[in-house]
């Protein structure tokens, strides 16, 4: 499946393809005054991207509209991890997930009551932190890969959806070459393997780790679809246009 997605994604990397990732519009060149004075360097710079939140709350800090966005330094990759993992939305989402898990008695060894809820909440927060650390910082730094989602932004819904799903399995290196997305795939497995350190003994093991890793990858694919299409939805429904 991963190799098929990687092969399919090649068409989106063709510089001549009409489905190449969306570039921010270049800043218009300032007219040179008749006196011959050249415009200041600031007039030719591309303004920084505006990073919005999906639905106004879900962080989308690792999304870019630039096809040739400058590579992130290790420090910038760490900042991306920190912003994604420790955003207040993650704490609220973890609280909701812990409440649902307690209601359904997921991880029964944690028990019920305040103590059980606290253990579930801690596990959910740890899951998010592990995933973001592995996929946005550790493996991208070690493997020199770009952890960001490169938004396509135009073309048919079918092609954009396929592009988005494939991007979970391919990525750009720091040198802008196309590579298998080891950072996302290995990050998913490593994060779920780390969860065996704090999940109840009855909820550990290789089989459960593999299933949770698959779920994490599917979740990443869903997040990519949200990053790809949310600006269009926001523009159409709320008249807030401009992209993530």
C-alpha atoms as a PDB file:
ATOM      1  CA  UNK A   1       0.000   0.000   0.000  1.00  0.00           C
ATOM      2  CA  UNK A   2       2.776   2.401   0.946  1.00  0.00           C
ATOM      3  CA  UNK A   3       4.738   1.729  -2.268  1.00  0.00           C
ATOM      4  CA  UNK A   4       1.623   2.291  -4.372  1.00  0.00           C
ATOM      5  CA  UNK A   5       0.978   5.592  -2.600  1.00  0.00           C
ATOM      6  CA  UNK A   6       4.582   6.632  -3.125  1.00  0.00           C
ATOM      7  CA  UNK A   7       4.422   5.812  -6.830  1.00  0.00           C
ATOM      8  CA  UNK A   8       1.095   7.603  -7.252  1.00  0.00           C
ATOM      9  CA  UNK A   9       2.467  10.705  -5.547  1.00  0.00           C
ATOM     10  CA  UNK A  10       5.146  11.183  -8.225  1.00  0.00           C
ATOM     11  CA  UNK A  11       2.727  12.913 -10.574  1.00  0.00           C
ATOM     12  CA  UNK A  12       2.219  15.697  -8.039  1.00  0.00           C
ATOM     13  CA  UNK A  13       5.936  16.410  -7.885  1.00  0.00           C
ATOM     14  CA  UNK A  14       6.272  17.191 -11.587  1.00  0.00           C
ATOM     15  CA  UNK A  15       7.076  20.930 -11.796  1.00  0.00           C
ATOM     16  CA  UNK A  16       4.964  21.142 -14.955  1.00  0.00           C
ATOM     17  CA  UNK A  17       1.968  19.417 -13.433  1.00  0.00           C
ATOM     18  CA  UNK A  18      -1.158  21.497 -13.035  1.00  0.00           C
ATOM     19  CA  UNK A  19      -1.546  19.789  -9.675  1.00  0.00           C
ATOM     20  CA  UNK A  20       1.749  21.003  -8.225  1.00  0.00           C
ATOM     21  CA  UNK A  21       1.353  22.233  -4.619  1.00  0.00           C
ATOM     22  CA  UNK A  22      -0.042  25.719  -4.274  1.00  0.00           C
ATOM     23  CA  UNK A  23       2.461  28.570  -4.076  1.00  0.00           C
ATOM     24  CA  UNK A  24       1.731  31.777  -2.249  1.00  0.00           C
ATOM     25  CA  UNK A  25       1.267  34.592  -4.697  1.00  0.00           C
ATOM     26  CA  UNK A  26       4.526  36.493  -5.221  1.00  0.00           C
ATOM     27  CA  UNK A  27       4.684  40.024  -4.002  1.00  0.00           C
ATOM     28  CA  UNK A  28       4.220  42.413  -6.955  1.00  0.00           C
ATOM     29  CA  UNK A  29       7.409  44.112  -8.008  1.00  0.00           C
ATOM     30  CA  UNK A  30       7.536  47.680  -6.873  1.00  0.00           C
ATOM     31  CA  UNK A  31       7.877  50.215  -9.673  1.00  0.00           C
ATOM     32  CA  UNK A  32      11.247  51.899  -9.758  1.00  0.00           C
ATOM     33  CA  UNK A  33      10.897  55.645  -9.309  1.00  0.00           C
ATOM     34  CA  UNK A  34      12.000  57.833 -12.201  1.00  0.00           C
ATOM     35  CA  UNK A  35      14.937  58.940 -10.107  1.00  0.00           C
ATOM     36  CA  UNK A  36      16.378  55.443 -10.563  1.00  0.00           C
ATOM     37  CA  UNK A  37      16.174  54.517  -6.883  1.00  0.00           C
ATOM     38  CA  UNK A  38      15.868  50.729  -6.517  1.00  0.00           C
ATOM     39  CA  UNK A  39      13.094  49.365  -4.313  1.00  0.00           C
ATOM     40  CA  UNK A  40      14.104  48.303  -0.832  1.00  0.00           C
ATOM     41  CA  UNK A  41      14.727  44.542  -0.344  1.00  0.00           C
ATOM     42  CA  UNK A  42      11.621  44.278   1.853  1.00  0.00           C
ATOM     43  CA  UNK A  43       9.348  45.023  -1.112  1.00  0.00           C
ATOM     44  CA  UNK A  44      10.387  41.824  -2.897  1.00  0.00           C
ATOM     45  CA  UNK A  45      10.038  39.448   0.038  1.00  0.00           C
ATOM     46  CA  UNK A  46       7.173  36.996   0.268  1.00  0.00           C
ATOM     47  CA  UNK A  47       5.044  37.740   3.333  1.00  0.00           C
ATOM     48  CA  UNK A  48       4.980  34.984   5.975  1.00  0.00           C
ATOM     49  CA  UNK A  49       2.225  32.400   5.729  1.00  0.00           C
ATOM     50  CA  UNK A  50      -0.826  32.664   7.891  1.00  0.00           C
ATOM     51  CA  UNK A  51      -1.352  29.468   9.866  1.00  0.00           C
ATOM     52  CA  UNK A  52      -4.959  29.053  10.865  1.00  0.00           C
ATOM     53  CA  UNK A  53      -6.754  26.439  12.921  1.00  0.00           C
ATOM     54  CA  UNK A  54      -9.115  23.932  11.395  1.00  0.00           C
ATOM     55  CA  UNK A  55     -12.629  24.717  12.616  1.00  0.00           C
ATOM     56  CA  UNK A  56     -10.993  27.591  14.456  1.00  0.00           C
ATOM     57  CA  UNK A  57      -9.598  25.329  17.197  1.00  0.00           C
ATOM     58  CA  UNK A  58      -7.591  22.383  15.795  1.00  0.00           C
ATOM     59  CA  UNK A  59      -3.939  23.416  15.372  1.00  0.00           C
ATOM     60  CA  UNK A  60      -2.567  23.229  11.810  1.00  0.00           C
ATOM     61  CA  UNK A  61       0.894  24.657  12.407  1.00  0.00           C
ATOM     62  CA  UNK A  62       2.639  22.078  10.255  1.00  0.00           C
ATOM     63  CA  UNK A  63       0.879  22.997   7.001  1.00  0.00           C
ATOM     64  CA  UNK A  64       2.419  25.020   4.193  1.00  0.00           C
ATOM     65  CA  UNK A  65       1.102  26.281   0.850  1.00  0.00           C
ATOM     66  CA  UNK A  66       4.623  26.747  -0.527  1.00  0.00           C
ATOM     67  CA  UNK A  67       5.934  24.132  -2.928  1.00  0.00           C
ATOM     68  CA  UNK A  68       9.543  25.114  -2.224  1.00  0.00           C
ATOM     69  CA  UNK A  69       9.233  26.168   1.402  1.00  0.00           C
ATOM     70  CA  UNK A  70      12.648  26.587   3.043  1.00  0.00           C
ATOM     71  CA  UNK A  71      13.730  23.502   4.977  1.00  0.00           C
ATOM     72  CA  UNK A  72      13.215  23.528   8.722  1.00  0.00           C
ATOM     73  CA  UNK A  73      16.227  23.555  11.000  1.00  0.00           C
ATOM     74  CA  UNK A  74      16.349  21.087  13.921  1.00  0.00           C
ATOM     75  CA  UNK A  75      15.383  23.963  16.205  1.00  0.00           C
ATOM     76  CA  UNK A  76      12.364  24.786  14.036  1.00  0.00           C
ATOM     77  CA  UNK A  77      11.321  21.139  13.999  1.00  0.00           C
ATOM     78  CA  UNK A  78      11.454  21.115  17.786  1.00  0.00           C
ATOM     79  CA  UNK A  79       9.323  24.274  17.929  1.00  0.00           C
ATOM     80  CA  UNK A  80       6.803  22.649  15.572  1.00  0.00           C
ATOM     81  CA  UNK A  81       6.615  19.598  17.839  1.00  0.00           C
ATOM     82  CA  UNK A  82       6.158  21.774  20.929  1.00  0.00           C
ATOM     83  CA  UNK A  83       3.435  23.931  19.361  1.00  0.00           C
ATOM     84  CA  UNK A  84       1.498  20.910  18.141  1.00  0.00           C
ATOM     85  CA  UNK A  85       1.903  18.770  21.268  1.00  0.00           C
ATOM     86  CA  UNK A  86       1.341  21.409  23.954  1.00  0.00           C
ATOM     87  CA  UNK A  87      -1.383  23.462  22.333  1.00  0.00           C
ATOM     88  CA  UNK A  88      -4.344  23.901  24.749  1.00  0.00           C
ATOM     89  CA  UNK A  89      -6.579  22.111  22.248  1.00  0.00           C
ATOM     90  CA  UNK A  90      -4.639  18.903  22.900  1.00  0.00           C
ATOM     91  CA  UNK A  91      -5.337  19.115  26.634  1.00  0.00           C
ATOM     92  CA  UNK A  92      -9.060  19.612  26.056  1.00  0.00           C
ATOM     93  CA  UNK A  93      -9.195  16.823  23.468  1.00  0.00           C
ATOM     94  CA  UNK A  94      -7.340  14.479  25.830  1.00  0.00           C
ATOM     95  CA  UNK A  95      -9.842  15.288  28.577  1.00  0.00           C
ATOM     96  CA  UNK A  96     -12.757  14.473  26.295  1.00  0.00           C
ATOM     97  CA  UNK A  97     -11.121  11.255  25.133  1.00  0.00           C
ATOM     98  CA  UNK A  98     -10.382  10.207  28.716  1.00  0.00           C
ATOM     99  CA  UNK A  99     -14.011  10.809  29.658  1.00  0.00           C
ATOM    100  CA  UNK A 100     -15.218   8.709  26.726  1.00  0.00           C
ATOM    101  CA  UNK A 101     -12.743   5.947  27.568  1.00  0.00           C
ATOM    102  CA  UNK A 102     -13.936   5.904  31.170  1.00  0.00           C
ATOM    103  CA  UNK A 103     -17.580   5.793  30.126  1.00  0.00           C
ATOM    104  CA  UNK A 104     -16.837   2.814  27.860  1.00  0.00           C
ATOM    105  CA  UNK A 105     -14.511   1.291  30.492  1.00  0.00           C
ATOM    106  CA  UNK A 106     -11.591   1.211  28.090  1.00  0.00           C
ATOM    107  CA  UNK A 107      -8.435   0.119  29.926  1.00  0.00           C
ATOM    108  CA  UNK A 108     -10.474  -1.425  32.782  1.00  0.00           C
ATOM    109  CA  UNK A 109      -7.290  -1.964  34.808  1.00  0.00           C
ATOM    110  CA  UNK A 110      -7.169   1.805  35.343  1.00  0.00           C
ATOM    111  CA  UNK A 111     -10.389   1.567  37.336  1.00  0.00           C
ATOM    112  CA  UNK A 112     -13.123   4.166  37.712  1.00  0.00           C
ATOM    113  CA  UNK A 113     -13.558   7.367  39.675  1.00  0.00           C
ATOM    114  CA  UNK A 114     -11.176  10.316  39.762  1.00  0.00           C
ATOM    115  CA  UNK A 115      -8.101   8.082  39.941  1.00  0.00           C
ATOM    116  CA  UNK A 116      -9.146   6.108  36.866  1.00  0.00           C
ATOM    117  CA  UNK A 117      -9.944   9.261  34.944  1.00  0.00           C
ATOM    118  CA  UNK A 118      -6.574  10.766  35.869  1.00  0.00           C
ATOM    119  CA  UNK A 119      -4.721   7.708  34.597  1.00  0.00           C
ATOM    120  CA  UNK A 120      -6.639   7.731  31.335  1.00  0.00           C
ATOM    121  CA  UNK A 121      -6.067  11.449  30.913  1.00  0.00           C
ATOM    122  CA  UNK A 122      -2.345  11.044  31.518  1.00  0.00           C
ATOM    123  CA  UNK A 123      -2.161   8.205  28.999  1.00  0.00           C
ATOM    124  CA  UNK A 124      -3.977  10.257  26.337  1.00  0.00           C
ATOM    125  CA  UNK A 125      -1.697  13.271  26.856  1.00  0.00           C
ATOM    126  CA  UNK A 126       1.342  10.990  26.697  1.00  0.00           C
ATOM    127  CA  UNK A 127       0.057   9.460  23.446  1.00  0.00           C
ATOM    128  CA  UNK A 128      -0.189  12.884  21.784  1.00  0.00           C
ATOM    129  CA  UNK A 129       3.219  13.970  23.073  1.00  0.00           C
ATOM    130  CA  UNK A 130       4.884  10.740  21.950  1.00  0.00           C
ATOM    131  CA  UNK A 131       3.375  10.934  18.470  1.00  0.00           C
ATOM    132  CA  UNK A 132       4.296  14.559  17.876  1.00  0.00           C
ATOM    133  CA  UNK A 133       7.804  14.102  19.304  1.00  0.00           C
ATOM    134  CA  UNK A 134       8.559  11.084  17.127  1.00  0.00           C
ATOM    135  CA  UNK A 135       6.911  12.277  13.905  1.00  0.00           C
ATOM    136  CA  UNK A 136       7.602  16.018  13.977  1.00  0.00           C
ATOM    137  CA  UNK A 137      10.994  16.170  15.683  1.00  0.00           C
ATOM    138  CA  UNK A 138      13.026  13.035  16.418  1.00  0.00           C
ATOM    139  CA  UNK A 139      12.757  11.115  13.145  1.00  0.00           C
ATOM    140  CA  UNK A 140      12.618  14.226  10.904  1.00  0.00           C
ATOM    141  CA  UNK A 141      15.883  15.424  12.488  1.00  0.00           C
ATOM    142  CA  UNK A 142      17.612  12.028  12.357  1.00  0.00           C
ATOM    143  CA  UNK A 143      16.451  11.265   8.805  1.00  0.00           C
ATOM    144  CA  UNK A 144      16.599  14.868   7.543  1.00  0.00           C
ATOM    145  CA  UNK A 145      12.966  14.849   6.384  1.00  0.00           C
ATOM    146  CA  UNK A 146      10.393  17.624   6.344  1.00  0.00           C
ATOM    147  CA  UNK A 147       7.500  16.854   8.735  1.00  0.00           C
ATOM    148  CA  UNK A 148       5.123  19.431   7.252  1.00  0.00           C
ATOM    149  CA  UNK A 149       2.047  18.842   5.113  1.00  0.00           C
ATOM    150  CA  UNK A 150       2.463  20.468   1.693  1.00  0.00           C
ATOM    151  CA  UNK A 151      -1.002  21.562   0.643  1.00  0.00           C
ATOM    152  CA  UNK A 152      -1.968  21.156  -3.012  1.00  0.00           C
ATOM    153  CA  UNK A 153      -4.738  23.743  -2.943  1.00  0.00           C
ATOM    154  CA  UNK A 154      -6.183  23.304  -6.443  1.00  0.00           C
ATOM    155  CA  UNK A 155      -7.377  20.647  -8.887  1.00  0.00           C
ATOM    156  CA  UNK A 156     -10.230  18.161  -8.695  1.00  0.00           C
ATOM    157  CA  UNK A 157     -11.443  16.820  -5.367  1.00  0.00           C
ATOM    158  CA  UNK A 158     -10.446  13.296  -6.399  1.00  0.00           C
ATOM    159  CA  UNK A 159      -6.868  14.242  -7.227  1.00  0.00           C
ATOM    160  CA  UNK A 160      -6.462  16.407  -4.154  1.00  0.00           C
ATOM    161  CA  UNK A 161      -7.803  13.646  -1.911  1.00  0.00           C
ATOM    162  CA  UNK A 162      -5.445  11.094  -3.467  1.00  0.00           C
ATOM    163  CA  UNK A 163      -2.533  13.514  -3.106  1.00  0.00           C
ATOM    164  CA  UNK A 164      -3.399  14.097   0.536  1.00  0.00           C
ATOM    165  CA  UNK A 165      -3.661  10.408   1.416  1.00  0.00           C
ATOM    166  CA  UNK A 166      -0.423   9.584  -0.408  1.00  0.00           C
ATOM    167  CA  UNK A 167       1.455  12.250   1.500  1.00  0.00           C
ATOM    168  CA  UNK A 168       1.254  10.134   4.653  1.00  0.00           C
ATOM    169  CA  UNK A 169       3.697   7.782   2.902  1.00  0.00           C
ATOM    170  CA  UNK A 170       5.939  10.189   1.008  1.00  0.00           C
ATOM    171  CA  UNK A 171       7.662  13.364   2.022  1.00  0.00           C
ATOM    172  CA  UNK A 172      10.329  15.851   1.036  1.00  0.00           C
ATOM    173  CA  UNK A 173      13.793  15.628   2.452  1.00  0.00           C
ATOM    174  CA  UNK A 174      15.583  18.694   3.754  1.00  0.00           C
ATOM    175  CA  UNK A 175      17.239  18.814   0.306  1.00  0.00           C
ATOM    176  CA  UNK A 176      13.807  18.748  -1.409  1.00  0.00           C
ATOM    177  CA  UNK A 177      14.154  15.231  -2.788  1.00  0.00           C
ATOM    178  CA  UNK A 178      11.190  12.864  -2.632  1.00  0.00           C
ATOM    179  CA  UNK A 179      11.481  10.035  -0.097  1.00  0.00           C
ATOM    180  CA  UNK A 180       9.403   7.414   1.642  1.00  0.00           C
ATOM    181  CA  UNK A 181       7.955   9.044   4.751  1.00  0.00           C
ATOM    182  CA  UNK A 182       9.859   7.048   7.337  1.00  0.00           C
ATOM    183  CA  UNK A 183       9.319   9.857   9.846  1.00  0.00           C
ATOM    184  CA  UNK A 184       5.541   9.429   9.863  1.00  0.00           C
ATOM    185  CA  UNK A 185       5.470   5.639   9.605  1.00  0.00           C
ATOM    186  CA  UNK A 186       8.278   4.902  12.042  1.00  0.00           C
ATOM    187  CA  UNK A 187       7.004   7.697  14.275  1.00  0.00           C
ATOM    188  CA  UNK A 188       3.591   6.045  14.511  1.00  0.00           C
ATOM    189  CA  UNK A 189       5.059   2.662  15.444  1.00  0.00           C
ATOM    190  CA  UNK A 190       7.629   4.108  17.860  1.00  0.00           C
ATOM    191  CA  UNK A 191       5.028   6.216  19.645  1.00  0.00           C
ATOM    192  CA  UNK A 192       2.682   3.285  20.093  1.00  0.00           C
ATOM    193  CA  UNK A 193       5.546   1.081  21.247  1.00  0.00           C
ATOM    194  CA  UNK A 194       6.367   3.692  23.880  1.00  0.00           C
ATOM    195  CA  UNK A 195       2.780   3.511  25.139  1.00  0.00           C
ATOM    196  CA  UNK A 196       3.529   0.002  26.426  1.00  0.00           C
ATOM    197  CA  UNK A 197       5.460   1.713  29.199  1.00  0.00           C
ATOM    198  CA  UNK A 198       2.313   3.187  30.754  1.00  0.00           C
ATOM    199  CA  UNK A 199      -0.662   1.200  29.432  1.00  0.00           C
ATOM    200  CA  UNK A 200      -2.022  -1.493  31.766  1.00  0.00           C
ATOM    201  CA  UNK A 201      -0.268  -4.877  31.356  1.00  0.00           C
ATOM    202  CA  UNK A 202      -3.423  -6.356  29.833  1.00  0.00           C
ATOM    203  CA  UNK A 203      -3.338  -3.716  27.074  1.00  0.00           C
ATOM    204  CA  UNK A 204       0.257  -4.198  25.976  1.00  0.00           C
ATOM    205  CA  UNK A 205       1.887  -6.445  23.412  1.00  0.00           C
ATOM    206  CA  UNK A 206       3.019  -6.565  19.803  1.00  0.00           C
ATOM    207  CA  UNK A 207      -0.419  -7.216  18.305  1.00  0.00           C
ATOM    208  CA  UNK A 208      -2.058  -4.302  20.111  1.00  0.00           C
ATOM    209  CA  UNK A 209       0.888  -2.045  19.257  1.00  0.00           C
ATOM    210  CA  UNK A 210       0.563  -2.867  15.552  1.00  0.00           C
ATOM    211  CA  UNK A 211      -3.183  -2.213  15.533  1.00  0.00           C
ATOM    212  CA  UNK A 212      -2.749   1.105  17.338  1.00  0.00           C
ATOM    213  CA  UNK A 213      -0.011   2.082  14.904  1.00  0.00           C
ATOM    214  CA  UNK A 214      -2.319   1.408  11.957  1.00  0.00           C
ATOM    215  CA  UNK A 215      -4.983   3.548  13.628  1.00  0.00           C
ATOM    216  CA  UNK A 216      -2.440   6.325  14.132  1.00  0.00           C
ATOM    217  CA  UNK A 217      -1.523   6.276  10.427  1.00  0.00           C
ATOM    218  CA  UNK A 218      -5.194   6.403   9.446  1.00  0.00           C
ATOM    219  CA  UNK A 219      -5.634   9.337  11.817  1.00  0.00           C
ATOM    220  CA  UNK A 220      -2.733  11.078  10.106  1.00  0.00           C
ATOM    221  CA  UNK A 221      -4.364  10.560   6.722  1.00  0.00           C
ATOM    222  CA  UNK A 222      -7.592  12.069   8.045  1.00  0.00           C
ATOM    223  CA  UNK A 223      -5.646  15.052   9.383  1.00  0.00           C
ATOM    224  CA  UNK A 224      -4.095  15.527   5.949  1.00  0.00           C
ATOM    225  CA  UNK A 225      -7.533  15.624   4.333  1.00  0.00           C
ATOM    226  CA  UNK A 226      -8.590  18.249   6.849  1.00  0.00           C
ATOM    227  CA  UNK A 227      -5.519  20.359   6.128  1.00  0.00           C
ATOM    228  CA  UNK A 228      -6.092  20.062   2.387  1.00  0.00           C
ATOM    229  CA  UNK A 229      -9.785  20.938   2.231  1.00  0.00           C
ATOM    230  CA  UNK A 230     -10.495  23.061   5.298  1.00  0.00           C
ATOM    231  CA  UNK A 231      -9.463  26.362   3.638  1.00  0.00           C
ATOM    232  CA  UNK A 232     -11.947  25.673   0.826  1.00  0.00           C
ATOM    233  CA  UNK A 233     -14.711  24.839   3.287  1.00  0.00           C
ATOM    234  CA  UNK A 234     -13.921  27.898   5.396  1.00  0.00           C
ATOM    235  CA  UNK A 235     -13.967  30.129   2.323  1.00  0.00           C
ATOM    236  CA  UNK A 236     -17.276  28.771   1.049  1.00  0.00           C
ATOM    237  CA  UNK A 237     -19.177  28.582   4.330  1.00  0.00           C
ATOM    238  CA  UNK A 238     -17.651  31.381   6.386  1.00  0.00           C
ATOM    239  CA  UNK A 239     -16.196  33.594   3.641  1.00  0.00           C
ATOM    240  CA  UNK A 240     -12.781  33.435   5.311  1.00  0.00           C
ATOM    241  CA  UNK A 241     -10.461  32.834   2.392  1.00  0.00           C
ATOM    242  CA  UNK A 242      -6.706  32.755   2.149  1.00  0.00           C
ATOM    243  CA  UNK A 243      -5.646  29.216   3.080  1.00  0.00           C
ATOM    244  CA  UNK A 244      -3.967  27.693   6.089  1.00  0.00           C
END
